[in-house]
C-alpha atoms as a PDB file:
ATOM      1  CA  UNK A   1     103.160 133.034 179.200  1.00  0.00           C
ATOM      2  CA  UNK A   2     103.288 131.245 175.796  1.00  0.00           C
ATOM      3  CA  UNK A   3     100.027 131.327 173.703  1.00  0.00           C
ATOM      4  CA  UNK A   4      97.746 128.356 174.056  1.00  0.00           C
ATOM      5  CA  UNK A   5      97.520 126.539 170.650  1.00  0.00           C
ATOM      6  CA  UNK A   6      93.939 126.656 169.022  1.00  0.00           C
ATOM      7  CA  UNK A   7      93.873 122.896 168.359  1.00  0.00           C
ATOM      8  CA  UNK A   8      90.311 123.279 166.777  1.00  0.00           C
ATOM      9  CA  UNK A   9      91.513 126.001 164.275  1.00  0.00           C
ATOM     10  CA  UNK A  10      94.748 123.911 163.611  1.00  0.00           C
ATOM     11  CA  UNK A  11      92.599 120.938 162.907  1.00  0.00           C
ATOM     12  CA  UNK A  12      90.344 122.814 160.482  1.00  0.00           C
ATOM     13  CA  UNK A  13      93.456 124.064 158.596  1.00  0.00           C
ATOM     14  CA  UNK A  14      94.762 120.519 158.422  1.00  0.00           C
ATOM     15  CA  UNK A  15      91.389 119.282 156.962  1.00  0.00           C
ATOM     16  CA  UNK A  16      91.443 122.237 154.640  1.00  0.00           C
ATOM     17  CA  UNK A  17      94.818 121.419 153.115  1.00  0.00           C
ATOM     18  CA  UNK A  18      94.011 117.621 152.734  1.00  0.00           C
ATOM     19  CA  UNK A  19      90.623 117.971 151.275  1.00  0.00           C
ATOM     20  CA  UNK A  20      90.841 120.762 148.997  1.00  0.00           C
ATOM     21  CA  UNK A  21      93.313 119.176 146.413  1.00  0.00           C
ATOM     22  CA  UNK A  22      91.047 116.067 146.393  1.00  0.00           C
ATOM     23  CA  UNK A  23      88.110 118.220 145.808  1.00  0.00           C
ATOM     24  CA  UNK A  24      90.032 120.041 143.033  1.00  0.00           C
ATOM     25  CA  UNK A  25      90.772 116.802 141.328  1.00  0.00           C
ATOM     26  CA  UNK A  26      87.232 115.761 141.497  1.00  0.00           C
ATOM     27  CA  UNK A  27      86.000 119.037 139.927  1.00  0.00           C
ATOM     28  CA  UNK A  28      88.655 118.712 137.198  1.00  0.00           C
ATOM     29  CA  UNK A  29      87.721 115.213 136.421  1.00  0.00           C
ATOM     30  CA  UNK A  30      83.986 116.130 136.081  1.00  0.00           C
ATOM     31  CA  UNK A  31      84.856 118.908 133.706  1.00  0.00           C
ATOM     32  CA  UNK A  32      86.960 116.612 131.470  1.00  0.00           C
ATOM     33  CA  UNK A  33      85.677 115.464 128.305  1.00  0.00           C
ATOM     34  CA  UNK A  34      84.372 111.631 128.577  1.00  0.00           C
ATOM     35  CA  UNK A  35      86.520 108.915 127.009  1.00  0.00           C
ATOM     36  CA  UNK A  36      85.470 108.156 123.330  1.00  0.00           C
ATOM     37  CA  UNK A  37      83.876 104.558 123.191  1.00  0.00           C
ATOM     38  CA  UNK A  38      86.357 102.328 121.315  1.00  0.00           C
ATOM     39  CA  UNK A  39      84.657 101.174 118.132  1.00  0.00           C
ATOM     40  CA  UNK A  40      85.443  97.528 117.545  1.00  0.00           C
ATOM     41  CA  UNK A  41      85.836  95.690 114.466  1.00  0.00           C
ATOM     42  CA  UNK A  42      86.459  92.052 113.294  1.00  0.00           C
ATOM     43  CA  UNK A  43      89.058  90.994 110.737  1.00  0.00           C
ATOM     44  CA  UNK A  44      86.962  88.478 108.642  1.00  0.00           C
ATOM     45  CA  UNK A  45      89.688  86.136 107.711  1.00  0.00           C
ATOM     46  CA  UNK A  46      90.249  85.059 111.375  1.00  0.00           C
ATOM     47  CA  UNK A  47      86.564  84.273 112.143  1.00  0.00           C
ATOM     48  CA  UNK A  48      84.879  83.036 108.951  1.00  0.00           C
ATOM     49  CA  UNK A  49      86.496  79.558 108.646  1.00  0.00           C
ATOM     50  CA  UNK A  50      83.867  77.058 108.972  1.00  0.00           C
ATOM     51  CA  UNK A  51      81.258  79.642 109.892  1.00  0.00           C
ATOM     52  CA  UNK A  52      78.039  80.752 108.081  1.00  0.00           C
ATOM     53  CA  UNK A  53      78.788  84.292 106.850  1.00  0.00           C
ATOM     54  CA  UNK A  54      75.293  85.597 107.517  1.00  0.00           C
ATOM     55  CA  UNK A  55      75.196  84.081 111.047  1.00  0.00           C
ATOM     56  CA  UNK A  56      78.599  85.614 111.823  1.00  0.00           C
ATOM     57  CA  UNK A  57      77.715  89.001 110.491  1.00  0.00           C
ATOM     58  CA  UNK A  58      74.354  88.935 112.407  1.00  0.00           C
ATOM     59  CA  UNK A  59      76.068  87.869 115.717  1.00  0.00           C
ATOM     60  CA  UNK A  60      78.776  90.518 115.452  1.00  0.00           C
ATOM     61  CA  UNK A  61      76.105  93.220 114.993  1.00  0.00           C
ATOM     62  CA  UNK A  62      74.165  91.834 118.126  1.00  0.00           C
ATOM     63  CA  UNK A  63      77.136  91.842 120.327  1.00  0.00           C
ATOM     64  CA  UNK A  64      77.908  95.477 119.492  1.00  0.00           C
ATOM     65  CA  UNK A  65      80.607  95.524 116.876  1.00  0.00           C
ATOM     66  CA  UNK A  66      80.755  98.605 114.838  1.00  0.00           C
ATOM     67  CA  UNK A  67      82.537  97.043 111.844  1.00  0.00           C
ATOM     68  CA  UNK A  68      83.546  93.795 109.880  1.00  0.00           C
ATOM     69  CA  UNK A  69      86.801  94.528 107.936  1.00  0.00           C
ATOM     70  CA  UNK A  70      88.786  93.022 105.066  1.00  0.00           C
ATOM     71  CA  UNK A  71      85.831  90.787 103.964  1.00  0.00           C
ATOM     72  CA  UNK A  72      84.927  89.741 100.364  1.00  0.00           C
ATOM     73  CA  UNK A  73      83.038  92.698  98.715  1.00  0.00           C
ATOM     74  CA  UNK A  74      79.970  90.554  97.937  1.00  0.00           C
ATOM     75  CA  UNK A  75      79.426  90.605 101.780  1.00  0.00           C
ATOM     76  CA  UNK A  76      79.629  94.296 102.159  1.00  0.00           C
ATOM     77  CA  UNK A  77      75.826  94.799 101.593  1.00  0.00           C
ATOM     78  CA  UNK A  78      74.989  92.338 104.544  1.00  0.00           C
ATOM     79  CA  UNK A  79      77.413  94.156 106.746  1.00  0.00           C
ATOM     80  CA  UNK A  80      75.759  97.471 105.977  1.00  0.00           C
ATOM     81  CA  UNK A  81      72.339  96.150 106.333  1.00  0.00           C
ATOM     82  CA  UNK A  82      73.448  94.926 109.806  1.00  0.00           C
ATOM     83  CA  UNK A  83      74.177  98.569 110.777  1.00  0.00           C
ATOM     84  CA  UNK A  84      77.894  98.225 110.621  1.00  0.00           C
ATOM     85  CA  UNK A  85      80.641  99.661 108.510  1.00  0.00           C
ATOM     86  CA  UNK A  86      83.703  98.259 106.677  1.00  0.00           C
ATOM     87  CA  UNK A  87      86.529  99.803 108.693  1.00  0.00           C
ATOM     88  CA  UNK A  88      89.427  99.012 106.418  1.00  0.00           C
ATOM     89  CA  UNK A  89      90.332  97.197 103.185  1.00  0.00           C
ATOM     90  CA  UNK A  90      93.403  96.282 101.259  1.00  0.00           C
ATOM     91  CA  UNK A  91      94.773  99.138  99.219  1.00  0.00           C
ATOM     92  CA  UNK A  92      97.216  97.251  96.874  1.00  0.00           C
ATOM     93  CA  UNK A  93      99.292  93.997  96.243  1.00  0.00           C
ATOM     94  CA  UNK A  94     101.183  92.850  97.879  1.00  0.00           C
ATOM     95  CA  UNK A  95     102.779  92.443 101.374  1.00  0.00           C
ATOM     96  CA  UNK A  96     106.071  91.409 100.452  1.00  0.00           C
ATOM     97  CA  UNK A  97     106.378  93.159  97.113  1.00  0.00           C
ATOM     98  CA  UNK A  98     105.467  96.804  98.063  1.00  0.00           C
ATOM     99  CA  UNK A  99     106.136 100.451  98.194  1.00  0.00           C
ATOM    100  CA  UNK A 100     109.857 100.188  98.843  1.00  0.00           C
ATOM    101  CA  UNK A 101     110.526  99.204  95.404  1.00  0.00           C
ATOM    102  CA  UNK A 102     110.289 102.017  92.636  1.00  0.00           C
ATOM    103  CA  UNK A 103     109.266  99.677  89.983  1.00  0.00           C
ATOM    104  CA  UNK A 104     106.060  99.014  91.863  1.00  0.00           C
ATOM    105  CA  UNK A 105     105.037 102.599  92.132  1.00  0.00           C
ATOM    106  CA  UNK A 106     103.021 103.129  89.099  1.00  0.00           C
ATOM    107  CA  UNK A 107     101.151  99.861  89.718  1.00  0.00           C
ATOM    108  CA  UNK A 108     100.457 100.433  93.410  1.00  0.00           C
ATOM    109  CA  UNK A 109      99.425 104.156  92.574  1.00  0.00           C
ATOM    110  CA  UNK A 110      96.919 102.881  90.205  1.00  0.00           C
ATOM    111  CA  UNK A 111      95.511 100.293  92.638  1.00  0.00           C
ATOM    112  CA  UNK A 112      95.460 102.694  95.490  1.00  0.00           C
ATOM    113  CA  UNK A 113      93.684 105.459  93.464  1.00  0.00           C
ATOM    114  CA  UNK A 114      90.963 102.890  92.333  1.00  0.00           C
ATOM    115  CA  UNK A 115      90.493 101.704  95.896  1.00  0.00           C
ATOM    116  CA  UNK A 116      90.316 105.159  97.293  1.00  0.00           C
ATOM    117  CA  UNK A 117      87.376 105.743  94.978  1.00  0.00           C
ATOM    118  CA  UNK A 118      85.675 102.570  96.097  1.00  0.00           C
ATOM    119  CA  UNK A 119      86.361 103.300  99.780  1.00  0.00           C
ATOM    120  CA  UNK A 120      84.851 106.657  99.411  1.00  0.00           C
ATOM    121  CA  UNK A 121      81.759 105.200  97.605  1.00  0.00           C
ATOM    122  CA  UNK A 122      81.212 102.631 100.410  1.00  0.00           C
ATOM    123  CA  UNK A 123      81.999 104.718 103.663  1.00  0.00           C
ATOM    124  CA  UNK A 124      85.230 102.823 104.286  1.00  0.00           C
ATOM    125  CA  UNK A 125      87.647 105.163 106.015  1.00  0.00           C
ATOM    126  CA  UNK A 126      90.989 103.594 105.499  1.00  0.00           C
ATOM    127  CA  UNK A 127      93.081 101.475 103.097  1.00  0.00           C
ATOM    128  CA  UNK A 128      95.973  99.143 103.993  1.00  0.00           C
ATOM    129  CA  UNK A 129      99.359  99.715 102.400  1.00  0.00           C
ATOM    130  CA  UNK A 130     102.561  97.611 102.698  1.00  0.00           C
ATOM    131  CA  UNK A 131     106.193  98.533 102.718  1.00  0.00           C
ATOM    132  CA  UNK A 132     107.393  95.215 101.197  1.00  0.00           C
ATOM    133  CA  UNK A 133     110.383  93.200 102.207  1.00  0.00           C
ATOM    134  CA  UNK A 134     113.784  94.692 102.415  1.00  0.00           C
ATOM    135  CA  UNK A 135     115.813  92.466 100.043  1.00  0.00           C
ATOM    136  CA  UNK A 136     118.883  94.095 101.288  1.00  0.00           C
ATOM    137  CA  UNK A 137     117.623  97.506 101.118  1.00  0.00           C
ATOM    138  CA  UNK A 138     118.696  99.756 103.982  1.00  0.00           C
ATOM    139  CA  UNK A 139     116.000 101.086 106.382  1.00  0.00           C
ATOM    140  CA  UNK A 140     116.795 104.820 105.286  1.00  0.00           C
ATOM    141  CA  UNK A 141     116.597 104.187 101.598  1.00  0.00           C
ATOM    142  CA  UNK A 142     113.460 102.138 102.153  1.00  0.00           C
ATOM    143  CA  UNK A 143     111.817 104.935 103.953  1.00  0.00           C
ATOM    144  CA  UNK A 144     112.668 107.335 101.411  1.00  0.00           C
ATOM    145  CA  UNK A 145     111.389 105.071  98.559  1.00  0.00           C
ATOM    146  CA  UNK A 146     108.205 104.158 100.456  1.00  0.00           C
ATOM    147  CA  UNK A 147     107.338 107.832 100.971  1.00  0.00           C
ATOM    148  CA  UNK A 148     108.065 108.696  97.435  1.00  0.00           C
ATOM    149  CA  UNK A 149     105.719 105.892  96.451  1.00  0.00           C
ATOM    150  CA  UNK A 150     102.803 107.245  98.451  1.00  0.00           C
ATOM    151  CA  UNK A 151     103.037 110.959  97.807  1.00  0.00           C
ATOM    152  CA  UNK A 152     101.424 110.939  94.343  1.00  0.00           C
ATOM    153  CA  UNK A 153      98.230 109.323  95.676  1.00  0.00           C
ATOM    154  CA  UNK A 154      97.870 111.448  98.877  1.00  0.00           C
ATOM    155  CA  UNK A 155      96.079 114.444  97.186  1.00  0.00           C
ATOM    156  CA  UNK A 156      93.294 111.991  95.938  1.00  0.00           C
ATOM    157  CA  UNK A 157      93.313 110.426  99.398  1.00  0.00           C
ATOM    158  CA  UNK A 158      92.846 113.795 101.166  1.00  0.00           C
ATOM    159  CA  UNK A 159      90.106 115.022  98.620  1.00  0.00           C
ATOM    160  CA  UNK A 160      88.209 111.774  99.306  1.00  0.00           C
ATOM    161  CA  UNK A 161      88.905 111.740 102.986  1.00  0.00           C
ATOM    162  CA  UNK A 162      90.574 108.269 103.045  1.00  0.00           C
ATOM    163  CA  UNK A 163      93.457 107.303 105.249  1.00  0.00           C
ATOM    164  CA  UNK A 164      96.322 105.279 103.710  1.00  0.00           C
ATOM    165  CA  UNK A 165      97.540 102.964 106.645  1.00  0.00           C
ATOM    166  CA  UNK A 166     100.979 101.299 106.118  1.00  0.00           C
ATOM    167  CA  UNK A 167     100.764  98.201 108.222  1.00  0.00           C
ATOM    168  CA  UNK A 168     103.327  97.435 110.966  1.00  0.00           C
ATOM    169  CA  UNK A 169     104.297  93.873 111.200  1.00  0.00           C
ATOM    170  CA  UNK A 170     106.701  91.652 112.814  1.00  0.00           C
ATOM    171  CA  UNK A 171     109.787  90.391 110.821  1.00  0.00           C
ATOM    172  CA  UNK A 172     110.866  88.056 113.643  1.00  0.00           C
ATOM    173  CA  UNK A 173     108.039  85.365 113.661  1.00  0.00           C
ATOM    174  CA  UNK A 174     105.426  85.841 110.819  1.00  0.00           C
ATOM    175  CA  UNK A 175     106.883  88.131 108.132  1.00  0.00           C
ATOM    176  CA  UNK A 176     110.649  87.599 107.674  1.00  0.00           C
ATOM    177  CA  UNK A 177     112.456  90.605 106.195  1.00  0.00           C
ATOM    178  CA  UNK A 178     109.336  92.863 106.092  1.00  0.00           C
ATOM    179  CA  UNK A 179     110.649  96.498 106.313  1.00  0.00           C
ATOM    180  CA  UNK A 180     107.856  98.389 108.121  1.00  0.00           C
ATOM    181  CA  UNK A 181     108.780  96.514 111.470  1.00  0.00           C
ATOM    182  CA  UNK A 182     109.227  99.158 113.879  1.00  0.00           C
ATOM    183  CA  UNK A 183     107.182 102.158 114.881  1.00  0.00           C
ATOM    184  CA  UNK A 184     109.720 104.695 114.519  1.00  0.00           C
ATOM    185  CA  UNK A 185     110.312 103.645 110.908  1.00  0.00           C
ATOM    186  CA  UNK A 186     106.723 103.883 110.116  1.00  0.00           C
ATOM    187  CA  UNK A 187     106.482 107.253 111.888  1.00  0.00           C
ATOM    188  CA  UNK A 188     109.437 108.706 109.837  1.00  0.00           C
ATOM    189  CA  UNK A 189     107.683 107.455 106.516  1.00  0.00           C
ATOM    190  CA  UNK A 190     104.443 109.338 107.488  1.00  0.00           C
ATOM    191  CA  UNK A 191     106.550 112.517 108.446  1.00  0.00           C
ATOM    192  CA  UNK A 192     108.201 112.346 105.099  1.00  0.00           C
ATOM    193  CA  UNK A 193     105.076 111.965 103.040  1.00  0.00           C
ATOM    194  CA  UNK A 194     103.759 114.990 104.835  1.00  0.00           C
ATOM    195  CA  UNK A 195      99.918 114.239 104.411  1.00  0.00           C
ATOM    196  CA  UNK A 196      97.360 114.105 107.277  1.00  0.00           C
ATOM    197  CA  UNK A 197      95.896 111.027 105.424  1.00  0.00           C
ATOM    198  CA  UNK A 198      99.324 109.156 105.636  1.00  0.00           C
ATOM    199  CA  UNK A 199      98.868 106.825 108.547  1.00  0.00           C
ATOM    200  CA  UNK A 200     100.150 103.617 110.171  1.00  0.00           C
ATOM    201  CA  UNK A 201      98.049 100.588 111.184  1.00  0.00           C
ATOM    202  CA  UNK A 202      99.532  99.816 114.577  1.00  0.00           C
ATOM    203  CA  UNK A 203      99.240  96.122 115.127  1.00  0.00           C
ATOM    204  CA  UNK A 204      99.602  95.474 118.800  1.00  0.00           C
ATOM    205  CA  UNK A 205     100.327  91.916 118.433  1.00  0.00           C
ATOM    206  CA  UNK A 206     103.165  92.534 115.943  1.00  0.00           C
ATOM    207  CA  UNK A 207     104.595  95.455 117.660  1.00  0.00           C
ATOM    208  CA  UNK A 208     104.724  93.349 121.119  1.00  0.00           C
ATOM    209  CA  UNK A 209     106.958  90.792 119.221  1.00  0.00           C
ATOM    210  CA  UNK A 210     109.345  93.510 117.802  1.00  0.00           C
ATOM    211  CA  UNK A 211     109.725  96.172 120.426  1.00  0.00           C
ATOM    212  CA  UNK A 212     107.069  95.933 123.313  1.00  0.00           C
ATOM    213  CA  UNK A 213     106.373  99.369 125.091  1.00  0.00           C
ATOM    214  CA  UNK A 214     102.846  99.410 123.508  1.00  0.00           C
ATOM    215  CA  UNK A 215     101.207 101.997 125.859  1.00  0.00           C
ATOM    216  CA  UNK A 216     104.290 104.455 125.621  1.00  0.00           C
ATOM    217  CA  UNK A 217     104.230 104.119 121.934  1.00  0.00           C
ATOM    218  CA  UNK A 218     100.472 104.744 121.711  1.00  0.00           C
ATOM    219  CA  UNK A 219     100.863 107.742 123.790  1.00  0.00           C
ATOM    220  CA  UNK A 220     103.901 109.249 122.032  1.00  0.00           C
ATOM    221  CA  UNK A 221     102.880 108.493 118.321  1.00  0.00           C
ATOM    222  CA  UNK A 222      99.015 108.036 118.320  1.00  0.00           C
ATOM    223  CA  UNK A 223      98.729 111.124 115.919  1.00  0.00           C
ATOM    224  CA  UNK A 224     100.234 108.902 113.299  1.00  0.00           C
ATOM    225  CA  UNK A 225      97.883 105.817 113.986  1.00  0.00           C
ATOM    226  CA  UNK A 226      94.799 105.454 111.734  1.00  0.00           C
ATOM    227  CA  UNK A 227      93.933 101.837 112.666  1.00  0.00           C
ATOM    228  CA  UNK A 228      94.830  99.333 115.350  1.00  0.00           C
ATOM    229  CA  UNK A 229      94.850  95.523 115.388  1.00  0.00           C
ATOM    230  CA  UNK A 230      94.810  93.180 118.331  1.00  0.00           C
ATOM    231  CA  UNK A 231      95.614  89.597 119.108  1.00  0.00           C
ATOM    232  CA  UNK A 232      97.094  87.579 122.109  1.00  0.00           C
ATOM    233  CA  UNK A 233     100.913  87.065 122.154  1.00  0.00           C
ATOM    234  CA  UNK A 234     102.397  84.442 121.686  1.00  0.00           C
ATOM    235  CA  UNK A 235     100.522  82.571 119.351  1.00  0.00           C
ATOM    236  CA  UNK A 236      98.022  85.187 117.780  1.00  0.00           C
ATOM    237  CA  UNK A 237      95.069  83.571 119.710  1.00  0.00           C
ATOM    238  CA  UNK A 238      92.544  84.851 122.119  1.00  0.00           C
ATOM    239  CA  UNK A 239      93.320  87.791 124.360  1.00  0.00           C
ATOM    240  CA  UNK A 240      92.907  85.762 127.340  1.00  0.00           C
ATOM    241  CA  UNK A 241      94.939  84.934 130.577  1.00  0.00           C
ATOM    242  CA  UNK A 242      97.285  82.582 128.697  1.00  0.00           C
ATOM    243  CA  UNK A 243      98.928  85.356 126.755  1.00  0.00           C
ATOM    244  CA  UNK A 244     100.975  88.466 127.953  1.00  0.00           C
ATOM    245  CA  UNK A 245      99.253  91.435 126.767  1.00  0.00           C
ATOM    246  CA  UNK A 246      96.793  93.370 129.179  1.00  0.00           C
ATOM    247  CA  UNK A 247      94.252  94.649 126.656  1.00  0.00           C
ATOM    248  CA  UNK A 248      92.027  96.690 129.213  1.00  0.00           C
ATOM    249  CA  UNK A 249      94.839  98.961 129.860  1.00  0.00           C
ATOM    250  CA  UNK A 250      95.826  99.189 126.174  1.00  0.00           C
ATOM    251  CA  UNK A 251      92.273 100.062 125.201  1.00  0.00           C
ATOM    252  CA  UNK A 252      92.237 102.747 128.043  1.00  0.00           C
ATOM    253  CA  UNK A 253      95.413 104.272 126.647  1.00  0.00           C
ATOM    254  CA  UNK A 254      93.854 104.460 123.152  1.00  0.00           C
ATOM    255  CA  UNK A 255      90.623 105.925 124.475  1.00  0.00           C
ATOM    256  CA  UNK A 256      92.608 108.450 126.362  1.00  0.00           C
ATOM    257  CA  UNK A 257      94.012 109.929 122.974  1.00  0.00           C
ATOM    258  CA  UNK A 258      90.517 110.743 121.877  1.00  0.00           C
ATOM    259  CA  UNK A 259      91.026 108.208 118.911  1.00  0.00           C
ATOM    260  CA  UNK A 260      87.961 108.155 116.676  1.00  0.00           C
ATOM    261  CA  UNK A 261      88.718 105.202 114.457  1.00  0.00           C
ATOM    262  CA  UNK A 262      88.360 101.510 114.767  1.00  0.00           C
ATOM    263  CA  UNK A 263      90.234  98.872 116.652  1.00  0.00           C
ATOM    264  CA  UNK A 264      90.243  95.570 114.755  1.00  0.00           C
ATOM    265  CA  UNK A 265      90.557  92.211 116.401  1.00  0.00           C
ATOM    266  CA  UNK A 266      92.857  90.043 114.261  1.00  0.00           C
ATOM    267  CA  UNK A 267      93.366  86.667 116.138  1.00  0.00           C
ATOM    268  CA  UNK A 268      92.557  83.060 115.614  1.00  0.00           C
ATOM    269  CA  UNK A 269      90.017  81.694 118.233  1.00  0.00           C
ATOM    270  CA  UNK A 270      90.797  78.718 120.221  1.00  0.00           C
ATOM    271  CA  UNK A 271      87.294  77.703 120.712  1.00  0.00           C
ATOM    272  CA  UNK A 272      83.871  78.723 119.623  1.00  0.00           C
ATOM    273  CA  UNK A 273      83.976  81.607 117.442  1.00  0.00           C
ATOM    274  CA  UNK A 274      81.122  83.539 118.671  1.00  0.00           C
ATOM    275  CA  UNK A 275      81.789  83.275 122.271  1.00  0.00           C
ATOM    276  CA  UNK A 276      85.265  84.227 121.495  1.00  0.00           C
ATOM    277  CA  UNK A 277      84.297  87.402 119.825  1.00  0.00           C
ATOM    278  CA  UNK A 278      81.716  88.212 122.515  1.00  0.00           C
ATOM    279  CA  UNK A 279      84.550  87.846 125.176  1.00  0.00           C
ATOM    280  CA  UNK A 280      86.990  90.050 123.172  1.00  0.00           C
ATOM    281  CA  UNK A 281      84.287  92.804 122.831  1.00  0.00           C
ATOM    282  CA  UNK A 282      83.563  92.735 126.539  1.00  0.00           C
ATOM    283  CA  UNK A 283      87.381  92.816 127.274  1.00  0.00           C
ATOM    284  CA  UNK A 284      87.896  95.850 125.053  1.00  0.00           C
ATOM    285  CA  UNK A 285      84.863  97.749 125.633  1.00  0.00           C
ATOM    286  CA  UNK A 286      86.167 100.879 127.438  1.00  0.00           C
ATOM    287  CA  UNK A 287      85.046 104.510 127.134  1.00  0.00           C
END
């Protein structure tokens, strides 16, 4: 006579195999370090048009912003008094005529050196640098010359704890012929410089135009990103439902890298400035 199945025991075993992995998952999740809160910043030029400076600074602080960046130096005390930082400032002139020309290296080194000191004195963690336009230069040679131009200032940047962030910009719509227009080109330059303070300013709007694949690039190359910028695409307007980027998922991807820097909003509001920056803050407030 065949044995009679023990249905109660079989059910218990089935439940065990179904529930145990789920309980293990919950245990692992509770043991994980919580995601870092995204520190949000405002790029001054986008929001200051026709706005009272003091009122805008006060509103940003009340909303929860951690920084206002790239604003006139005479306003820095107001930002600090409101409990915010200046996340990033320009490191040198100019966007089109930058590091990929050897004849600019001496001038740019002097400007970066002075601004590294200024940043350190004012608790500004990062400076912006620019590759410049190609003007017929190959990407390989341009990367070599750009890295060559940065190396002389990196020891000073390391000593002062300041990141030099080469900005990634699109050359398709806004900045024709700009050389640092793809993530991998910028990563190559950072690796050639060989300093932990050589970083990229990963502008999500610009890189969406040039290459897309935003979240994958964040996951693959985040160690080279010292600052982020946002905007809706197309149009560089609000990050609302009329544009193509889904910023909650992008912010989540940034937070998952344990990023400790700032994400700066750099879009031109379509309507009321204060309501717009409030909506942007709430949209990107993950972690």
